[in-house]
Amino acid sequence: MTNKAYEILKEMWDNRRENPKTPEEFKDLVFINRTGYPTKNSTYDAVLRVLYGL
């Protein structure tokens, strides 16, 4: 991992808001959705398709 990637992820971690819905086993994850669960890969796929016209 590059230093820049680490800095970005660290900032995301430091600035995330605690979600009371997040189960204990997911509280240490960086990428969680607004319901407090891990973000699905398909979410990223859909955004990339829109951004890059795939």
PDB file of N, CA and C in Angstrom:
ATOM      1  N   MET A   1       0.850  -1.164   0.000  1.00  0.00           N
ATOM      2  CA  MET A   1       0.000   0.000   0.000  1.00  0.00           C
ATOM      3  C   MET A   1       0.898   1.229   0.000  1.00  0.00           C
ATOM      4  N   THR A   2       0.525   2.175  -0.813  1.00  0.00           N
ATOM      5  CA  THR A   2       1.319   3.406  -0.859  1.00  0.00           C
ATOM      6  C   THR A   2       1.035   4.262   0.375  1.00  0.00           C
ATOM      7  N   ASN A   3       1.945   5.167   0.654  1.00  0.00           N
ATOM      8  CA  ASN A   3       1.743   6.085   1.781  1.00  0.00           C
ATOM      9  C   ASN A   3       0.493   6.926   1.577  1.00  0.00           C
ATOM     10  N   LYS A   4       0.252   7.347   0.325  1.00  0.00           N
ATOM     11  CA  LYS A   4      -0.915   8.176   0.028  1.00  0.00           C
ATOM     12  C   LYS A   4      -2.208   7.394   0.286  1.00  0.00           C
ATOM     13  N   ALA A   5      -2.259   6.137  -0.134  1.00  0.00           N
ATOM     14  CA  ALA A   5      -3.436   5.303   0.110  1.00  0.00           C
ATOM     15  C   ALA A   5      -3.660   5.139   1.611  1.00  0.00           C
ATOM     16  N   TYR A   6      -2.587   4.915   2.342  1.00  0.00           N
ATOM     17  CA  TYR A   6      -2.692   4.792   3.796  1.00  0.00           C
ATOM     18  C   TYR A   6      -3.252   6.069   4.411  1.00  0.00           C
ATOM     19  N   GLU A   7      -2.739   7.212   3.975  1.00  0.00           N
ATOM     20  CA  GLU A   7      -3.210   8.499   4.513  1.00  0.00           C
ATOM     21  C   GLU A   7      -4.698   8.698   4.256  1.00  0.00           C
ATOM     22  N   ILE A   8      -5.149   8.353   3.043  1.00  0.00           N
ATOM     23  CA  ILE A   8      -6.560   8.506   2.697  1.00  0.00           C
ATOM     24  C   ILE A   8      -7.428   7.597   3.562  1.00  0.00           C
ATOM     25  N   LEU A   9      -7.026   6.336   3.686  1.00  0.00           N
ATOM     26  CA  LEU A   9      -7.800   5.388   4.498  1.00  0.00           C
ATOM     27  C   LEU A   9      -7.787   5.780   5.970  1.00  0.00           C
ATOM     28  N   LYS A  10      -6.653   6.254   6.456  1.00  0.00           N
ATOM     29  CA  LYS A  10      -6.553   6.692   7.854  1.00  0.00           C
ATOM     30  C   LYS A  10      -7.484   7.865   8.100  1.00  0.00           C
ATOM     31  N   GLU A  11      -7.534   8.812   7.153  1.00  0.00           N
ATOM     32  CA  GLU A  11      -8.424   9.954   7.300  1.00  0.00           C
ATOM     33  C   GLU A  11      -9.885   9.515   7.296  1.00  0.00           C
ATOM     34  N   MET A  12     -10.214   8.561   6.427  1.00  0.00           N
ATOM     35  CA  MET A  12     -11.587   8.038   6.401  1.00  0.00           C
ATOM     36  C   MET A  12     -11.929   7.406   7.749  1.00  0.00           C
ATOM     37  N   TRP A  13     -11.004   6.636   8.284  1.00  0.00           N
ATOM     38  CA  TRP A  13     -11.211   5.966   9.575  1.00  0.00           C
ATOM     39  C   TRP A  13     -11.394   6.979  10.692  1.00  0.00           C
ATOM     40  N   ASP A  14     -10.519   7.979  10.711  1.00  0.00           N
ATOM     41  CA  ASP A  14     -10.559   8.988  11.770  1.00  0.00           C
ATOM     42  C   ASP A  14     -11.826   9.835  11.724  1.00  0.00           C
ATOM     43  N   ASN A  15     -12.363  10.040  10.514  1.00  0.00           N
ATOM     44  CA  ASN A  15     -13.512  10.925  10.354  1.00  0.00           C
ATOM     45  C   ASN A  15     -14.856  10.204  10.264  1.00  0.00           C
ATOM     46  N   ARG A  16     -14.845   8.887  10.346  1.00  0.00           N
ATOM     47  CA  ARG A  16     -16.121   8.173  10.223  1.00  0.00           C
ATOM     48  C   ARG A  16     -16.963   8.389  11.466  1.00  0.00           C
ATOM     49  N   ARG A  17     -18.237   8.341  11.268  1.00  0.00           N
ATOM     50  CA  ARG A  17     -19.169   8.514  12.374  1.00  0.00           C
ATOM     51  C   ARG A  17     -19.579   7.152  12.895  1.00  0.00           C
ATOM     52  N   GLU A  18     -19.685   7.050  14.193  1.00  0.00           N
ATOM     53  CA  GLU A  18     -20.159   5.802  14.783  1.00  0.00           C
ATOM     54  C   GLU A  18     -21.627   5.629  14.444  1.00  0.00           C
ATOM     55  N   ASN A  19     -21.965   4.484  13.925  1.00  0.00           N
ATOM     56  CA  ASN A  19     -23.340   4.170  13.598  1.00  0.00           C
ATOM     57  C   ASN A  19     -23.849   3.180  14.642  1.00  0.00           C
ATOM     58  N   PRO A  20     -24.899   3.540  15.366  1.00  0.00           N
ATOM     59  CA  PRO A  20     -25.391   2.627  16.405  1.00  0.00           C
ATOM     60  C   PRO A  20     -25.926   1.315  15.849  1.00  0.00           C
ATOM     61  N   LYS A  21     -26.200   1.262  14.545  1.00  0.00           N
ATOM     62  CA  LYS A  21     -26.708   0.041  13.918  1.00  0.00           C
ATOM     63  C   LYS A  21     -25.603  -0.956  13.593  1.00  0.00           C
ATOM     64  N   THR A  22     -24.366  -0.509  13.614  1.00  0.00           N
ATOM     65  CA  THR A  22     -23.252  -1.362  13.216  1.00  0.00           C
ATOM     66  C   THR A  22     -23.026  -2.478  14.231  1.00  0.00           C
ATOM     67  N   PRO A  23     -23.126  -3.743  13.774  1.00  0.00           N
ATOM     68  CA  PRO A  23     -22.827  -4.860  14.678  1.00  0.00           C
ATOM     69  C   PRO A  23     -21.374  -4.806  15.145  1.00  0.00           C
ATOM     70  N   GLU A  24     -21.116  -5.309  16.304  1.00  0.00           N
ATOM     71  CA  GLU A  24     -19.776  -5.264  16.908  1.00  0.00           C
ATOM     72  C   GLU A  24     -18.707  -5.823  15.972  1.00  0.00           C
ATOM     73  N   GLU A  25     -19.003  -6.891  15.251  1.00  0.00           N
ATOM     74  CA  GLU A  25     -17.988  -7.528  14.404  1.00  0.00           C
ATOM     75  C   GLU A  25     -17.597  -6.677  13.194  1.00  0.00           C
ATOM     76  N   PHE A  26     -18.344  -5.608  12.901  1.00  0.00           N
ATOM     77  CA  PHE A  26     -18.023  -4.753  11.768  1.00  0.00           C
ATOM     78  C   PHE A  26     -17.489  -3.381  12.186  1.00  0.00           C
ATOM     79  N   LYS A  27     -17.380  -3.115  13.463  1.00  0.00           N
ATOM     80  CA  LYS A  27     -16.996  -1.786  13.943  1.00  0.00           C
ATOM     81  C   LYS A  27     -15.571  -1.383  13.577  1.00  0.00           C
ATOM     82  N   ASP A  28     -14.711  -2.346  13.248  1.00  0.00           N
ATOM     83  CA  ASP A  28     -13.339  -2.000  12.898  1.00  0.00           C
ATOM     84  C   ASP A  28     -13.123  -1.890  11.391  1.00  0.00           C
ATOM     85  N   LEU A  29     -14.182  -1.997  10.593  1.00  0.00           N
ATOM     86  CA  LEU A  29     -14.068  -1.883   9.144  1.00  0.00           C
ATOM     87  C   LEU A  29     -14.106  -0.424   8.711  1.00  0.00           C
ATOM     88  N   VAL A  30     -13.419  -0.114   7.621  1.00  0.00           N
ATOM     89  CA  VAL A  30     -13.418   1.243   7.086  1.00  0.00           C
ATOM     90  C   VAL A  30     -14.620   1.454   6.180  1.00  0.00           C
ATOM     91  N   PHE A  31     -14.920   0.475   5.338  1.00  0.00           N
ATOM     92  CA  PHE A  31     -15.964   0.619   4.333  1.00  0.00           C
ATOM     93  C   PHE A  31     -17.261  -0.047   4.791  1.00  0.00           C
ATOM     94  N   ILE A  32     -18.092   0.741   5.458  1.00  0.00           N
ATOM     95  CA  ILE A  32     -19.414   0.250   5.838  1.00  0.00           C
ATOM     96  C   ILE A  32     -20.460   1.179   5.227  1.00  0.00           C
ATOM     97  N   ASN A  33     -21.625   0.624   4.989  1.00  0.00           N
ATOM     98  CA  ASN A  33     -22.680   1.442   4.392  1.00  0.00           C
ATOM     99  C   ASN A  33     -23.471   2.158   5.480  1.00  0.00           C
ATOM    100  N   ARG A  34     -24.475   2.905   5.074  1.00  0.00           N
ATOM    101  CA  ARG A  34     -25.207   3.712   6.054  1.00  0.00           C
ATOM    102  C   ARG A  34     -26.031   2.880   7.027  1.00  0.00           C
ATOM    103  N   THR A  35     -26.230   1.597   6.705  1.00  0.00           N
ATOM    104  CA  THR A  35     -26.953   0.731   7.636  1.00  0.00           C
ATOM    105  C   THR A  35     -26.020   0.065   8.640  1.00  0.00           C
ATOM    106  N   GLY A  36     -24.711   0.306   8.502  1.00  0.00           N
ATOM    107  CA  GLY A  36     -23.745  -0.221   9.454  1.00  0.00           C
ATOM    108  C   GLY A  36     -23.130  -1.557   9.077  1.00  0.00           C
ATOM    109  N   TYR A  37     -23.419  -2.026   7.866  1.00  0.00           N
ATOM    110  CA  TYR A  37     -22.881  -3.309   7.401  1.00  0.00           C
ATOM    111  C   TYR A  37     -21.846  -3.078   6.311  1.00  0.00           C
ATOM    112  N   PRO A  38     -20.992  -4.072   6.042  1.00  0.00           N
ATOM    113  CA  PRO A  38     -19.985  -3.899   4.994  1.00  0.00           C
ATOM    114  C   PRO A  38     -20.633  -3.561   3.653  1.00  0.00           C
ATOM    115  N   THR A  39     -19.983  -2.686   2.923  1.00  0.00           N
ATOM    116  CA  THR A  39     -20.465  -2.305   1.601  1.00  0.00           C
ATOM    117  C   THR A  39     -20.261  -3.470   0.646  1.00  0.00           C
ATOM    118  N   LYS A  40     -21.275  -3.759  -0.152  1.00  0.00           N
ATOM    119  CA  LYS A  40     -21.199  -4.869  -1.109  1.00  0.00           C
ATOM    120  C   LYS A  40     -20.336  -4.478  -2.304  1.00  0.00           C
ATOM    121  N   ASN A  41     -19.645  -5.463  -2.871  1.00  0.00           N
ATOM    122  CA  ASN A  41     -18.834  -5.222  -4.061  1.00  0.00           C
ATOM    123  C   ASN A  41     -19.676  -4.664  -5.192  1.00  0.00           C
ATOM    124  N   SER A  42     -20.914  -5.108  -5.303  1.00  0.00           N
ATOM    125  CA  SER A  42     -21.771  -4.662  -6.403  1.00  0.00           C
ATOM    126  C   SER A  42     -22.027  -3.154  -6.333  1.00  0.00           C
ATOM    127  N   THR A  43     -21.955  -2.578  -5.164  1.00  0.00           N
ATOM    128  CA  THR A  43     -22.116  -1.133  -5.026  1.00  0.00           C
ATOM    129  C   THR A  43     -20.991  -0.415  -5.761  1.00  0.00           C
ATOM    130  N   TYR A  44     -19.775  -0.866  -5.558  1.00  0.00           N
ATOM    131  CA  TYR A  44     -18.637  -0.269  -6.241  1.00  0.00           C
ATOM    132  C   TYR A  44     -18.694  -0.537  -7.734  1.00  0.00           C
ATOM    133  N   ASP A  45     -19.094  -1.754  -8.111  1.00  0.00           N
ATOM    134  CA  ASP A  45     -19.218  -2.091  -9.529  1.00  0.00           C
ATOM    135  C   ASP A  45     -20.188  -1.157 -10.229  1.00  0.00           C
ATOM    136  N   ALA A  46     -21.330  -0.891  -9.595  1.00  0.00           N
ATOM    137  CA  ALA A  46     -22.342  -0.030 -10.206  1.00  0.00           C
ATOM    138  C   ALA A  46     -21.816   1.390 -10.396  1.00  0.00           C
ATOM    139  N   VAL A  47     -21.107   1.905  -9.412  1.00  0.00           N
ATOM    140  CA  VAL A  47     -20.551   3.256  -9.520  1.00  0.00           C
ATOM    141  C   VAL A  47     -19.503   3.306 -10.624  1.00  0.00           C
ATOM    142  N   LEU A  48     -18.646   2.303 -10.696  1.00  0.00           N
ATOM    143  CA  LEU A  48     -17.610   2.287 -11.738  1.00  0.00           C
ATOM    144  C   LEU A  48     -18.232   2.198 -13.125  1.00  0.00           C
ATOM    145  N   ARG A  49     -19.305   1.435 -13.263  1.00  0.00           N
ATOM    146  CA  ARG A  49     -19.984   1.349 -14.559  1.00  0.00           C
ATOM    147  C   ARG A  49     -20.499   2.717 -14.989  1.00  0.00           C
ATOM    148  N   VAL A  50     -21.069   3.450 -14.059  1.00  0.00           N
ATOM    149  CA  VAL A  50     -21.590   4.785 -14.369  1.00  0.00           C
ATOM    150  C   VAL A  50     -20.436   5.733 -14.711  1.00  0.00           C
ATOM    151  N   LEU A  51     -19.398   5.706 -13.917  1.00  0.00           N
ATOM    152  CA  LEU A  51     -18.282   6.620 -14.117  1.00  0.00           C
ATOM    153  C   LEU A  51     -17.541   6.372 -15.424  1.00  0.00           C
ATOM    154  N   TYR A  52     -17.371   5.106 -15.764  1.00  0.00           N
ATOM    155  CA  TYR A  52     -16.552   4.757 -16.919  1.00  0.00           C
ATOM    156  C   TYR A  52     -17.355   4.205 -18.091  1.00  0.00           C
ATOM    157  N   GLY A  53     -18.681   4.251 -17.989  1.00  0.00           N
ATOM    158  CA  GLY A  53     -19.527   3.814 -19.091  1.00  0.00           C
ATOM    159  C   GLY A  53     -19.329   2.355 -19.452  1.00  0.00           C
ATOM    160  N   LEU A  54     -19.129   1.535 -18.474  1.00  0.00           N
ATOM    161  CA  LEU A  54     -18.903   0.088 -18.725  1.00  0.00           C
ATOM    162  C   LEU A  54     -20.206  -0.648 -18.911  1.00  0.00           C
TER     163      LEU A  54
END
